[in-house]
Amino acid sequence: MRPRSAEDPSALFIGRNGRPISLKGASNVVRRLLRRLGIKPATGRVGPRPYDLRHAFAVHRLTAWYHEGVDIHARLPWLSAYMGHVDVLGTETYLHATPELLQLASDRFASRFERGEPAS
């Protein structure tokens, strides 16, 4: 397998040298940015982490699908694949209940219940 470079469309993050940035390198860049913005303390392991972006993405995608009225169960494998997981169990870690998400799920359930549809 040849190394990915700026000319390779499969590379997502490219460094100044034209080569892909490693996971550790990308995490370090995000961590430094969070510290520079004052969102994360200058030292220590407290405050937001780079992986929190994955959590936020997963929850926002799920919330958007609820707003769009799509079948959530059918779309969860899409989210898993996008996030690089082999199944939904790996993605489950990133899904958190937010007040908005809980309200959307509750509203959808109530609507189906009133129409006599199965909850599926």
PDB file of N, CA and C in Angstrom:
ATOM      1  N   MET A   1       0.847  -1.179   0.000  1.00  0.00           N
ATOM      2  CA  MET A   1       0.000   0.000   0.000  1.00  0.00           C
ATOM      3  C   MET A   1       0.890   1.238   0.000  1.00  0.00           C
ATOM      4  N   ARG A   2       0.643   2.149  -0.903  1.00  0.00           N
ATOM      5  CA  ARG A   2       1.452   3.361  -0.966  1.00  0.00           C
ATOM      6  C   ARG A   2       0.978   4.367   0.075  1.00  0.00           C
ATOM      7  N   PRO A   3       1.868   5.222   0.573  1.00  0.00           N
ATOM      8  CA  PRO A   3       1.459   6.214   1.569  1.00  0.00           C
ATOM      9  C   PRO A   3       0.492   7.218   0.954  1.00  0.00           C
ATOM     10  N   ARG A   4      -0.462   7.654   1.757  1.00  0.00           N
ATOM     11  CA  ARG A   4      -1.415   8.663   1.282  1.00  0.00           C
ATOM     12  C   ARG A   4      -0.729  10.022   1.270  1.00  0.00           C
ATOM     13  N   SER A   5      -1.159  10.876   0.383  1.00  0.00           N
ATOM     14  CA  SER A   5      -0.584  12.214   0.303  1.00  0.00           C
ATOM     15  C   SER A   5      -1.664  13.203  -0.081  1.00  0.00           C
ATOM     16  N   ALA A   6      -1.274  14.454  -0.269  1.00  0.00           N
ATOM     17  CA  ALA A   6      -2.226  15.503  -0.627  1.00  0.00           C
ATOM     18  C   ALA A   6      -2.933  15.181  -1.944  1.00  0.00           C
ATOM     19  N   GLU A   7      -2.307  14.401  -2.806  1.00  0.00           N
ATOM     20  CA  GLU A   7      -2.924  14.038  -4.072  1.00  0.00           C
ATOM     21  C   GLU A   7      -3.921  12.892  -3.917  1.00  0.00           C
ATOM     22  N   ASP A   8      -3.909  12.238  -2.761  1.00  0.00           N
ATOM     23  CA  ASP A   8      -4.768  11.083  -2.513  1.00  0.00           C
ATOM     24  C   ASP A   8      -6.087  11.552  -1.914  1.00  0.00           C
ATOM     25  N   PRO A   9      -7.208  11.386  -2.617  1.00  0.00           N
ATOM     26  CA  PRO A   9      -8.492  11.877  -2.101  1.00  0.00           C
ATOM     27  C   PRO A   9      -8.993  11.132  -0.870  1.00  0.00           C
ATOM     28  N   SER A  10      -8.389   9.984  -0.528  1.00  0.00           N
ATOM     29  CA  SER A  10      -8.861   9.261   0.659  1.00  0.00           C
ATOM     30  C   SER A  10      -8.275   9.820   1.950  1.00  0.00           C
ATOM     31  N   ALA A  11      -7.266  10.673   1.865  1.00  0.00           N
ATOM     32  CA  ALA A  11      -6.672  11.274   3.065  1.00  0.00           C
ATOM     33  C   ALA A  11      -7.537  12.439   3.514  1.00  0.00           C
ATOM     34  N   LEU A  12      -7.928  12.434   4.770  1.00  0.00           N
ATOM     35  CA  LEU A  12      -8.810  13.478   5.284  1.00  0.00           C
ATOM     36  C   LEU A  12      -8.041  14.679   5.813  1.00  0.00           C
ATOM     37  N   PHE A  13      -7.043  14.463   6.680  1.00  0.00           N
ATOM     38  CA  PHE A  13      -6.256  15.552   7.243  1.00  0.00           C
ATOM     39  C   PHE A  13      -4.828  15.449   6.730  1.00  0.00           C
ATOM     40  N   ILE A  14      -4.355  16.515   6.131  1.00  0.00           N
ATOM     41  CA  ILE A  14      -3.029  16.552   5.525  1.00  0.00           C
ATOM     42  C   ILE A  14      -2.181  17.597   6.234  1.00  0.00           C
ATOM     43  N   GLY A  15      -0.949  17.228   6.579  1.00  0.00           N
ATOM     44  CA  GLY A  15      -0.023  18.157   7.206  1.00  0.00           C
ATOM     45  C   GLY A  15       0.648  19.048   6.175  1.00  0.00           C
ATOM     46  N   ARG A  16       1.438  19.987   6.631  1.00  0.00           N
ATOM     47  CA  ARG A  16       2.153  20.906   5.738  1.00  0.00           C
ATOM     48  C   ARG A  16       3.109  20.178   4.808  1.00  0.00           C
ATOM     49  N   ASN A  17       3.566  18.999   5.228  1.00  0.00           N
ATOM     50  CA  ASN A  17       4.496  18.225   4.408  1.00  0.00           C
ATOM     51  C   ASN A  17       3.782  17.392   3.337  1.00  0.00           C
ATOM     52  N   GLY A  18       2.448  17.491   3.280  1.00  0.00           N
ATOM     53  CA  GLY A  18       1.679  16.766   2.275  1.00  0.00           C
ATOM     54  C   GLY A  18       1.305  15.359   2.677  1.00  0.00           C
ATOM     55  N   ARG A  19       1.685  14.951   3.867  1.00  0.00           N
ATOM     56  CA  ARG A  19       1.379  13.601   4.339  1.00  0.00           C
ATOM     57  C   ARG A  19       0.212  13.631   5.321  1.00  0.00           C
ATOM     58  N   PRO A  20      -0.469  12.507   5.460  1.00  0.00           N
ATOM     59  CA  PRO A  20      -1.584  12.451   6.408  1.00  0.00           C
ATOM     60  C   PRO A  20      -1.116  12.707   7.840  1.00  0.00           C
ATOM     61  N   ILE A  21      -1.971  13.343   8.611  1.00  0.00           N
ATOM     62  CA  ILE A  21      -1.701  13.591  10.024  1.00  0.00           C
ATOM     63  C   ILE A  21      -2.180  12.360  10.792  1.00  0.00           C
ATOM     64  N   SER A  22      -1.366  11.885  11.726  1.00  0.00           N
ATOM     65  CA  SER A  22      -1.746  10.729  12.541  1.00  0.00           C
ATOM     66  C   SER A  22      -2.870  11.110  13.502  1.00  0.00           C
ATOM     67  N   LEU A  23      -3.506  10.104  14.064  1.00  0.00           N
ATOM     68  CA  LEU A  23      -4.551  10.339  15.054  1.00  0.00           C
ATOM     69  C   LEU A  23      -4.003  11.137  16.232  1.00  0.00           C
ATOM     70  N   LYS A  24      -2.816  10.753  16.706  1.00  0.00           N
ATOM     71  CA  LYS A  24      -2.197  11.467  17.823  1.00  0.00           C
ATOM     72  C   LYS A  24      -1.884  12.915  17.432  1.00  0.00           C
ATOM     73  N   GLY A  25      -1.382  13.106  16.228  1.00  0.00           N
ATOM     74  CA  GLY A  25      -1.077  14.455  15.759  1.00  0.00           C
ATOM     75  C   GLY A  25      -2.320  15.324  15.672  1.00  0.00           C
ATOM     76  N   ALA A  26      -3.406  14.763  15.139  1.00  0.00           N
ATOM     77  CA  ALA A  26      -4.663  15.509  15.038  1.00  0.00           C
ATOM     78  C   ALA A  26      -5.199  15.850  16.426  1.00  0.00           C
ATOM     79  N   SER A  27      -5.121  14.889  17.349  1.00  0.00           N
ATOM     80  CA  SER A  27      -5.585  15.135  18.721  1.00  0.00           C
ATOM     81  C   SER A  27      -4.779  16.246  19.383  1.00  0.00           C
ATOM     82  N   ASN A  28      -3.474  16.240  19.165  1.00  0.00           N
ATOM     83  CA  ASN A  28      -2.618  17.286  19.738  1.00  0.00           C
ATOM     84  C   ASN A  28      -2.967  18.660  19.194  1.00  0.00           C
ATOM     85  N   VAL A  29      -3.255  18.743  17.911  1.00  0.00           N
ATOM     86  CA  VAL A  29      -3.625  20.025  17.299  1.00  0.00           C
ATOM     87  C   VAL A  29      -4.929  20.536  17.906  1.00  0.00           C
ATOM     88  N   VAL A  30      -5.930  19.668  18.031  1.00  0.00           N
ATOM     89  CA  VAL A  30      -7.219  20.081  18.600  1.00  0.00           C
ATOM     90  C   VAL A  30      -7.035  20.493  20.055  1.00  0.00           C
ATOM     91  N   ARG A  31      -6.248  19.732  20.812  1.00  0.00           N
ATOM     92  CA  ARG A  31      -6.000  20.062  22.219  1.00  0.00           C
ATOM     93  C   ARG A  31      -5.344  21.438  22.347  1.00  0.00           C
ATOM     94  N   ARG A  32      -4.340  21.702  21.501  1.00  0.00           N
ATOM     95  CA  ARG A  32      -3.669  23.015  21.552  1.00  0.00           C
ATOM     96  C   ARG A  32      -4.643  24.133  21.191  1.00  0.00           C
ATOM     97  N   LEU A  33      -5.499  23.887  20.220  1.00  0.00           N
ATOM     98  CA  LEU A  33      -6.490  24.888  19.830  1.00  0.00           C
ATOM     99  C   LEU A  33      -7.447  25.179  20.984  1.00  0.00           C
ATOM    100  N   LEU A  34      -7.924  24.128  21.649  1.00  0.00           N
ATOM    101  CA  LEU A  34      -8.818  24.317  22.796  1.00  0.00           C
ATOM    102  C   LEU A  34      -8.143  25.128  23.896  1.00  0.00           C
ATOM    103  N   ARG A  35      -6.864  24.871  24.113  1.00  0.00           N
ATOM    104  CA  ARG A  35      -6.128  25.621  25.138  1.00  0.00           C
ATOM    105  C   ARG A  35      -5.914  27.067  24.707  1.00  0.00           C
ATOM    106  N   ARG A  36      -5.572  27.285  23.452  1.00  0.00           N
ATOM    107  CA  ARG A  36      -5.343  28.639  22.949  1.00  0.00           C
ATOM    108  C   ARG A  36      -6.620  29.482  23.037  1.00  0.00           C
ATOM    109  N   LEU A  37      -7.775  28.842  22.832  1.00  0.00           N
ATOM    110  CA  LEU A  37      -9.056  29.546  22.907  1.00  0.00           C
ATOM    111  C   LEU A  37      -9.543  29.745  24.340  1.00  0.00           C
ATOM    112  N   GLY A  38      -8.823  29.160  25.310  1.00  0.00           N
ATOM    113  CA  GLY A  38      -9.210  29.297  26.709  1.00  0.00           C
ATOM    114  C   GLY A  38     -10.350  28.376  27.110  1.00  0.00           C
ATOM    115  N   ILE A  39     -10.668  27.398  26.272  1.00  0.00           N
ATOM    116  CA  ILE A  39     -11.742  26.454  26.566  1.00  0.00           C
ATOM    117  C   ILE A  39     -11.239  25.323  27.449  1.00  0.00           C
ATOM    118  N   LYS A  40      -9.959  25.047  27.364  1.00  0.00           N
ATOM    119  CA  LYS A  40      -9.321  23.982  28.137  1.00  0.00           C
ATOM    120  C   LYS A  40      -8.171  24.606  28.922  1.00  0.00           C
ATOM    121  N   PRO A  41      -7.994  24.213  30.181  1.00  0.00           N
ATOM    122  CA  PRO A  41      -6.874  24.752  30.969  1.00  0.00           C
ATOM    123  C   PRO A  41      -5.526  24.466  30.309  1.00  0.00           C
ATOM    124  N   ALA A  42      -4.542  25.282  30.623  1.00  0.00           N
ATOM    125  CA  ALA A  42      -3.211  25.166  30.013  1.00  0.00           C
ATOM    126  C   ALA A  42      -2.532  23.839  30.327  1.00  0.00           C
ATOM    127  N   THR A  43      -2.842  23.246  31.442  1.00  0.00           N
ATOM    128  CA  THR A  43      -2.248  21.953  31.802  1.00  0.00           C
ATOM    129  C   THR A  43      -3.313  21.046  32.382  1.00  0.00           C
ATOM    130  N   GLY A  44      -2.986  19.782  32.485  1.00  0.00           N
ATOM    131  CA  GLY A  44      -3.888  18.823  33.114  1.00  0.00           C
ATOM    132  C   GLY A  44      -4.806  18.133  32.121  1.00  0.00           C
ATOM    133  N   ARG A  45      -5.584  17.209  32.654  1.00  0.00           N
ATOM    134  CA  ARG A  45      -6.457  16.391  31.824  1.00  0.00           C
ATOM    135  C   ARG A  45      -7.921  16.774  31.980  1.00  0.00           C
ATOM    136  N   VAL A  46      -8.190  17.972  32.480  1.00  0.00           N
ATOM    137  CA  VAL A  46      -9.569  18.415  32.655  1.00  0.00           C
ATOM    138  C   VAL A  46      -9.995  19.229  31.437  1.00  0.00           C
ATOM    139  N   GLY A  47     -11.282  19.456  31.323  1.00  0.00           N
ATOM    140  CA  GLY A  47     -11.802  20.238  30.209  1.00  0.00           C
ATOM    141  C   GLY A  47     -12.128  19.371  29.001  1.00  0.00           C
ATOM    142  N   PRO A  48     -12.555  20.000  27.919  1.00  0.00           N
ATOM    143  CA  PRO A  48     -12.935  19.249  26.723  1.00  0.00           C
ATOM    144  C   PRO A  48     -11.759  18.479  26.130  1.00  0.00           C
ATOM    145  N   ARG A  49     -12.094  17.360  25.491  1.00  0.00           N
ATOM    146  CA  ARG A  49     -11.089  16.510  24.852  1.00  0.00           C
ATOM    147  C   ARG A  49     -11.374  16.444  23.358  1.00  0.00           C
ATOM    148  N   PRO A  50     -10.385  16.140  22.556  1.00  0.00           N
ATOM    149  CA  PRO A  50     -10.633  16.008  21.115  1.00  0.00           C
ATOM    150  C   PRO A  50     -11.750  15.020  20.784  1.00  0.00           C
ATOM    151  N   TYR A  51     -11.841  13.937  21.544  1.00  0.00           N
ATOM    152  CA  TYR A  51     -12.884  12.945  21.257  1.00  0.00           C
ATOM    153  C   TYR A  51     -14.283  13.464  21.547  1.00  0.00           C
ATOM    154  N   ASP A  52     -14.394  14.555  22.287  1.00  0.00           N
ATOM    155  CA  ASP A  52     -15.712  15.144  22.523  1.00  0.00           C
ATOM    156  C   ASP A  52     -16.339  15.605  21.213  1.00  0.00           C
ATOM    157  N   LEU A  53     -15.534  15.900  20.215  1.00  0.00           N
ATOM    158  CA  LEU A  53     -16.069  16.261  18.901  1.00  0.00           C
ATOM    159  C   LEU A  53     -16.831  15.089  18.297  1.00  0.00           C
ATOM    160  N   ARG A  54     -16.359  13.878  18.509  1.00  0.00           N
ATOM    161  CA  ARG A  54     -17.060  12.683  18.022  1.00  0.00           C
ATOM    162  C   ARG A  54     -18.403  12.532  18.722  1.00  0.00           C
ATOM    163  N   HIS A  55     -18.418  12.769  20.042  1.00  0.00           N
ATOM    164  CA  HIS A  55     -19.671  12.687  20.790  1.00  0.00           C
ATOM    165  C   HIS A  55     -20.671  13.718  20.262  1.00  0.00           C
ATOM    166  N   ALA A  56     -20.208  14.948  20.093  1.00  0.00           N
ATOM    167  CA  ALA A  56     -21.088  16.017  19.610  1.00  0.00           C
ATOM    168  C   ALA A  56     -21.609  15.698  18.216  1.00  0.00           C
ATOM    169  N   PHE A  57     -20.733  15.230  17.328  1.00  0.00           N
ATOM    170  CA  PHE A  57     -21.164  14.891  15.973  1.00  0.00           C
ATOM    171  C   PHE A  57     -22.260  13.829  16.002  1.00  0.00           C
ATOM    172  N   ALA A  58     -22.049  12.753  16.762  1.00  0.00           N
ATOM    173  CA  ALA A  58     -23.009  11.653  16.791  1.00  0.00           C
ATOM    174  C   ALA A  58     -24.373  12.120  17.302  1.00  0.00           C
ATOM    175  N   VAL A  59     -24.382  12.891  18.371  1.00  0.00           N
ATOM    176  CA  VAL A  59     -25.651  13.364  18.936  1.00  0.00           C
ATOM    177  C   VAL A  59     -26.332  14.352  17.994  1.00  0.00           C
ATOM    178  N   HIS A  60     -25.576  15.246  17.389  1.00  0.00           N
ATOM    179  CA  HIS A  60     -26.182  16.208  16.460  1.00  0.00           C
ATOM    180  C   HIS A  60     -26.738  15.517  15.222  1.00  0.00           C
ATOM    181  N   ARG A  61     -26.048  14.483  14.731  1.00  0.00           N
ATOM    182  CA  ARG A  61     -26.542  13.745  13.563  1.00  0.00           C
ATOM    183  C   ARG A  61     -27.850  13.044  13.904  1.00  0.00           C
ATOM    184  N   LEU A  62     -27.903  12.403  15.075  1.00  0.00           N
ATOM    185  CA  LEU A  62     -29.118  11.719  15.514  1.00  0.00           C
ATOM    186  C   LEU A  62     -30.273  12.710  15.675  1.00  0.00           C
ATOM    187  N   THR A  63     -29.988  13.856  16.266  1.00  0.00           N
ATOM    188  CA  THR A  63     -31.011  14.889  16.448  1.00  0.00           C
ATOM    189  C   THR A  63     -31.519  15.383  15.093  1.00  0.00           C
ATOM    190  N   ALA A  64     -30.617  15.606  14.148  1.00  0.00           N
ATOM    191  CA  ALA A  64     -31.025  16.054  12.807  1.00  0.00           C
ATOM    192  C   ALA A  64     -31.913  15.010  12.140  1.00  0.00           C
ATOM    193  N   TRP A  65     -31.573  13.738  12.300  1.00  0.00           N
ATOM    194  CA  TRP A  65     -32.412  12.686  11.700  1.00  0.00           C
ATOM    195  C   TRP A  65     -33.798  12.672  12.326  1.00  0.00           C
ATOM    196  N   TYR A  66     -33.893  12.898  13.624  1.00  0.00           N
ATOM    197  CA  TYR A  66     -35.218  12.990  14.250  1.00  0.00           C
ATOM    198  C   TYR A  66     -35.998  14.147  13.640  1.00  0.00           C
ATOM    199  N   HIS A  67     -35.349  15.302  13.473  1.00  0.00           N
ATOM    200  CA  HIS A  67     -36.025  16.462  12.865  1.00  0.00           C
ATOM    201  C   HIS A  67     -36.473  16.161  11.442  1.00  0.00           C
ATOM    202  N   GLU A  68     -35.679  15.373  10.716  1.00  0.00           N
ATOM    203  CA  GLU A  68     -36.006  15.016   9.334  1.00  0.00           C
ATOM    204  C   GLU A  68     -37.072  13.928   9.251  1.00  0.00           C
ATOM    205  N   GLY A  69     -37.380  13.297  10.376  1.00  0.00           N
ATOM    206  CA  GLY A  69     -38.411  12.264  10.400  1.00  0.00           C
ATOM    207  C   GLY A  69     -37.980  10.921   9.833  1.00  0.00           C
ATOM    208  N   VAL A  70     -36.686  10.680   9.734  1.00  0.00           N
ATOM    209  CA  VAL A  70     -36.208   9.423   9.157  1.00  0.00           C
ATOM    210  C   VAL A  70     -36.268   8.290  10.182  1.00  0.00           C
ATOM    211  N   ASP A  71     -36.163   7.078   9.690  1.00  0.00           N
ATOM    212  CA  ASP A  71     -36.139   5.888  10.543  1.00  0.00           C
ATOM    213  C   ASP A  71     -34.764   5.802  11.208  1.00  0.00           C
ATOM    214  N   ILE A  72     -34.713   6.118  12.476  1.00  0.00           N
ATOM    215  CA  ILE A  72     -33.453   6.160  13.220  1.00  0.00           C
ATOM    216  C   ILE A  72     -32.769   4.804  13.220  1.00  0.00           C
ATOM    217  N   HIS A  73     -33.535   3.747  13.427  1.00  0.00           N
ATOM    218  CA  HIS A  73     -32.941   2.409  13.487  1.00  0.00           C
ATOM    219  C   HIS A  73     -32.294   2.020  12.161  1.00  0.00           C
ATOM    220  N   ALA A  74     -32.858   2.478  11.065  1.00  0.00           N
ATOM    221  CA  ALA A  74     -32.276   2.173   9.755  1.00  0.00           C
ATOM    222  C   ALA A  74     -31.003   2.986   9.514  1.00  0.00           C
ATOM    223  N   ARG A  75     -30.908   4.165  10.114  1.00  0.00           N
ATOM    224  CA  ARG A  75     -29.757   5.042   9.880  1.00  0.00           C
ATOM    225  C   ARG A  75     -28.584   4.817  10.832  1.00  0.00           C
ATOM    226  N   LEU A  76     -28.813   4.195  11.969  1.00  0.00           N
ATOM    227  CA  LEU A  76     -27.717   3.985  12.917  1.00  0.00           C
ATOM    228  C   LEU A  76     -26.531   3.229  12.302  1.00  0.00           C
ATOM    229  N   PRO A  77     -26.756   2.206  11.470  1.00  0.00           N
ATOM    230  CA  PRO A  77     -25.596   1.569  10.827  1.00  0.00           C
ATOM    231  C   PRO A  77     -24.811   2.540   9.934  1.00  0.00           C
ATOM    232  N   TRP A  78     -25.480   3.511   9.329  1.00  0.00           N
ATOM    233  CA  TRP A  78     -24.784   4.530   8.519  1.00  0.00           C
ATOM    234  C   TRP A  78     -23.849   5.328   9.415  1.00  0.00           C
ATOM    235  N   LEU A  79     -24.369   5.762  10.558  1.00  0.00           N
ATOM    236  CA  LEU A  79     -23.561   6.538  11.495  1.00  0.00           C
ATOM    237  C   LEU A  79     -22.368   5.719  11.972  1.00  0.00           C
ATOM    238  N   SER A  80     -22.605   4.454  12.269  1.00  0.00           N
ATOM    239  CA  SER A  80     -21.516   3.572  12.710  1.00  0.00           C
ATOM    240  C   SER A  80     -20.426   3.463  11.654  1.00  0.00           C
ATOM    241  N   ALA A  81     -20.837   3.254  10.413  1.00  0.00           N
ATOM    242  CA  ALA A  81     -19.858   3.134   9.326  1.00  0.00           C
ATOM    243  C   ALA A  81     -19.087   4.438   9.164  1.00  0.00           C
ATOM    244  N   TYR A  82     -19.779   5.559   9.209  1.00  0.00           N
ATOM    245  CA  TYR A  82     -19.122   6.854   9.048  1.00  0.00           C
ATOM    246  C   TYR A  82     -18.082   7.092  10.142  1.00  0.00           C
ATOM    247  N   MET A  83     -18.406   6.642  11.358  1.00  0.00           N
ATOM    248  CA  MET A  83     -17.503   6.853  12.482  1.00  0.00           C
ATOM    249  C   MET A  83     -16.409   5.783  12.559  1.00  0.00           C
ATOM    250  N   GLY A  84     -16.446   4.819  11.638  1.00  0.00           N
ATOM    251  CA  GLY A  84     -15.406   3.801  11.584  1.00  0.00           C
ATOM    252  C   GLY A  84     -15.621   2.621  12.499  1.00  0.00           C
ATOM    253  N   HIS A  85     -16.857   2.401  12.920  1.00  0.00           N
ATOM    254  CA  HIS A  85     -17.162   1.276  13.802  1.00  0.00           C
ATOM    255  C   HIS A  85     -17.681   0.098  12.985  1.00  0.00           C
ATOM    256  N   VAL A  86     -17.428  -1.107  13.467  1.00  0.00           N
ATOM    257  CA  VAL A  86     -17.902  -2.295  12.757  1.00  0.00           C
ATOM    258  C   VAL A  86     -19.377  -2.570  13.016  1.00  0.00           C
ATOM    259  N   ASP A  87     -19.910  -2.043  14.113  1.00  0.00           N
ATOM    260  CA  ASP A  87     -21.330  -2.215  14.397  1.00  0.00           C
ATOM    261  C   ASP A  87     -21.827  -1.070  15.284  1.00  0.00           C
ATOM    262  N   VAL A  88     -23.115  -1.087  15.533  1.00  0.00           N
ATOM    263  CA  VAL A  88     -23.749  -0.011  16.300  1.00  0.00           C
ATOM    264  C   VAL A  88     -23.275   0.007  17.754  1.00  0.00           C
ATOM    265  N   LEU A  89     -22.840  -1.109  18.271  1.00  0.00           N
ATOM    266  CA  LEU A  89     -22.383  -1.143  19.672  1.00  0.00           C
ATOM    267  C   LEU A  89     -21.206  -0.202  19.904  1.00  0.00           C
ATOM    268  N   GLY A  90     -20.312  -0.076  18.932  1.00  0.00           N
ATOM    269  CA  GLY A  90     -19.202   0.858  19.066  1.00  0.00           C
ATOM    270  C   GLY A  90     -19.663   2.305  19.053  1.00  0.00           C
ATOM    271  N   THR A  91     -20.727   2.572  18.318  1.00  0.00           N
ATOM    272  CA  THR A  91     -21.262   3.935  18.192  1.00  0.00           C
ATOM    273  C   THR A  91     -22.067   4.324  19.423  1.00  0.00           C
ATOM    274  N   GLU A  92     -22.646   3.339  20.071  1.00  0.00           N
ATOM    275  CA  GLU A  92     -23.483   3.561  21.244  1.00  0.00           C
ATOM    276  C   GLU A  92     -22.783   4.412  22.306  1.00  0.00           C
ATOM    277  N   THR A  93     -21.486   4.253  22.430  1.00  0.00           N
ATOM    278  CA  THR A  93     -20.692   5.000  23.412  1.00  0.00           C
ATOM    279  C   THR A  93     -20.797   6.502  23.187  1.00  0.00           C
ATOM    280  N   TYR A  94     -20.973   6.905  21.947  1.00  0.00           N
ATOM    281  CA  TYR A  94     -20.969   8.331  21.598  1.00  0.00           C
ATOM    282  C   TYR A  94     -22.349   8.972  21.645  1.00  0.00           C
ATOM    283  N   LEU A  95     -23.385   8.184  21.824  1.00  0.00           N
ATOM    284  CA  LEU A  95     -24.745   8.724  21.831  1.00  0.00           C
ATOM    285  C   LEU A  95     -25.179   9.033  23.253  1.00  0.00           C
ATOM    286  N   HIS A  96     -25.497  10.284  23.482  1.00  0.00           N
ATOM    287  CA  HIS A  96     -25.928  10.741  24.805  1.00  0.00           C
ATOM    288  C   HIS A  96     -27.300  11.378  24.690  1.00  0.00           C
ATOM    289  N   ALA A  97     -28.105  11.182  25.704  1.00  0.00           N
ATOM    290  CA  ALA A  97     -29.431  11.779  25.732  1.00  0.00           C
ATOM    291  C   ALA A  97     -29.305  13.260  26.071  1.00  0.00           C
ATOM    292  N   THR A  98     -29.862  14.088  25.207  1.00  0.00           N
ATOM    293  CA  THR A  98     -29.949  15.519  25.486  1.00  0.00           C
ATOM    294  C   THR A  98     -31.427  15.839  25.693  1.00  0.00           C
ATOM    295  N   PRO A  99     -31.761  16.948  26.335  1.00  0.00           N
ATOM    296  CA  PRO A  99     -33.179  17.286  26.505  1.00  0.00           C
ATOM    297  C   PRO A  99     -33.918  17.349  25.166  1.00  0.00           C
ATOM    298  N   GLU A 100     -33.278  17.928  24.153  1.00  0.00           N
ATOM    299  CA  GLU A 100     -33.929  18.029  22.837  1.00  0.00           C
ATOM    300  C   GLU A 100     -34.156  16.646  22.229  1.00  0.00           C
ATOM    301  N   LEU A 101     -33.159  15.804  22.299  1.00  0.00           N
ATOM    302  CA  LEU A 101     -33.265  14.463  21.726  1.00  0.00           C
ATOM    303  C   LEU A 101     -34.344  13.651  22.451  1.00  0.00           C
ATOM    304  N   LEU A 102     -34.380  13.739  23.767  1.00  0.00           N
ATOM    305  CA  LEU A 102     -35.407  13.029  24.527  1.00  0.00           C
ATOM    306  C   LEU A 102     -36.804  13.526  24.170  1.00  0.00           C
ATOM    307  N   GLN A 103     -36.956  14.837  23.987  1.00  0.00           N
ATOM    308  CA  GLN A 103     -38.260  15.391  23.623  1.00  0.00           C
ATOM    309  C   GLN A 103     -38.686  14.931  22.234  1.00  0.00           C
ATOM    310  N   LEU A 104     -37.744  14.933  21.284  1.00  0.00           N
ATOM    311  CA  LEU A 104     -38.049  14.477  19.926  1.00  0.00           C
ATOM    312  C   LEU A 104     -38.468  13.008  19.915  1.00  0.00           C
ATOM    313  N   ALA A 105     -37.755  12.174  20.649  1.00  0.00           N
ATOM    314  CA  ALA A 105     -38.092  10.755  20.719  1.00  0.00           C
ATOM    315  C   ALA A 105     -39.455  10.559  21.383  1.00  0.00           C
ATOM    316  N   SER A 106     -39.713  11.316  22.440  1.00  0.00           N
ATOM    317  CA  SER A 106     -40.994  11.229  23.139  1.00  0.00           C
ATOM    318  C   SER A 106     -42.141  11.653  22.225  1.00  0.00           C
ATOM    319  N   ASP A 107     -41.938  12.756  21.502  1.00  0.00           N
ATOM    320  CA  ASP A 107     -42.976  13.238  20.581  1.00  0.00           C
ATOM    321  C   ASP A 107     -43.261  12.207  19.487  1.00  0.00           C
ATOM    322  N   ARG A 108     -42.207  11.595  18.960  1.00  0.00           N
ATOM    323  CA  ARG A 108     -42.387  10.598  17.893  1.00  0.00           C
ATOM    324  C   ARG A 108     -43.150   9.390  18.435  1.00  0.00           C
ATOM    325  N   PHE A 109     -42.783   8.935  19.620  1.00  0.00           N
ATOM    326  CA  PHE A 109     -43.473   7.793  20.220  1.00  0.00           C
ATOM    327  C   PHE A 109     -44.942   8.122  20.453  1.00  0.00           C
ATOM    328  N   ALA A 110     -45.218   9.306  21.026  1.00  0.00           N
ATOM    329  CA  ALA A 110     -46.603   9.692  21.307  1.00  0.00           C
ATOM    330  C   ALA A 110     -47.417   9.760  20.026  1.00  0.00           C
ATOM    331  N   SER A 111     -46.827  10.301  18.965  1.00  0.00           N
ATOM    332  CA  SER A 111     -47.524  10.408  17.685  1.00  0.00           C
ATOM    333  C   SER A 111     -47.879   9.025  17.139  1.00  0.00           C
ATOM    334  N   ARG A 112     -46.938   8.116  17.204  1.00  0.00           N
ATOM    335  CA  ARG A 112     -47.203   6.756  16.709  1.00  0.00           C
ATOM    336  C   ARG A 112     -48.219   6.037  17.593  1.00  0.00           C
ATOM    337  N   PHE A 113     -48.123   6.253  18.887  1.00  0.00           N
ATOM    338  CA  PHE A 113     -49.049   5.620  19.820  1.00  0.00           C
ATOM    339  C   PHE A 113     -50.476   6.092  19.548  1.00  0.00           C
ATOM    340  N   GLU A 114     -50.647   7.408  19.303  1.00  0.00           N
ATOM    341  CA  GLU A 114     -51.959   7.970  19.037  1.00  0.00           C
ATOM    342  C   GLU A 114     -52.549   7.418  17.736  1.00  0.00           C
ATOM    343  N   ARG A 115     -51.679   7.124  16.763  1.00  0.00           N
ATOM    344  CA  ARG A 115     -52.141   6.578  15.479  1.00  0.00           C
ATOM    345  C   ARG A 115     -52.284   5.063  15.524  1.00  0.00           C
ATOM    346  N   GLY A 116     -51.887   4.453  16.629  1.00  0.00           N
ATOM    347  CA  GLY A 116     -51.996   3.004  16.763  1.00  0.00           C
ATOM    348  C   GLY A 116     -50.903   2.241  16.022  1.00  0.00           C
ATOM    349  N   GLU A 117     -49.804   2.929  15.662  1.00  0.00           N
ATOM    350  CA  GLU A 117     -48.694   2.267  14.969  1.00  0.00           C
ATOM    351  C   GLU A 117     -47.795   1.569  15.966  1.00  0.00           C
ATOM    352  N   PRO A 118     -47.122   0.510  15.530  1.00  0.00           N
ATOM    353  CA  PRO A 118     -46.149  -0.129  16.426  1.00  0.00           C
ATOM    354  C   PRO A 118     -44.981   0.802  16.700  1.00  0.00           C
ATOM    355  N   ALA A 119     -44.398   0.705  17.875  1.00  0.00           N
ATOM    356  CA  ALA A 119     -43.289   1.586  18.268  1.00  0.00           C
ATOM    357  C   ALA A 119     -42.035   1.283  17.481  1.00  0.00           C
ATOM    358  N   SER A 120     -41.868   0.086  16.967  1.00  0.00           N
ATOM    359  CA  SER A 120     -40.685  -0.404  16.240  1.00  0.00           C
ATOM    360  C   SER A 120     -39.456   0.038  16.877  1.00  0.00           C
TER     361      SER A 120
END
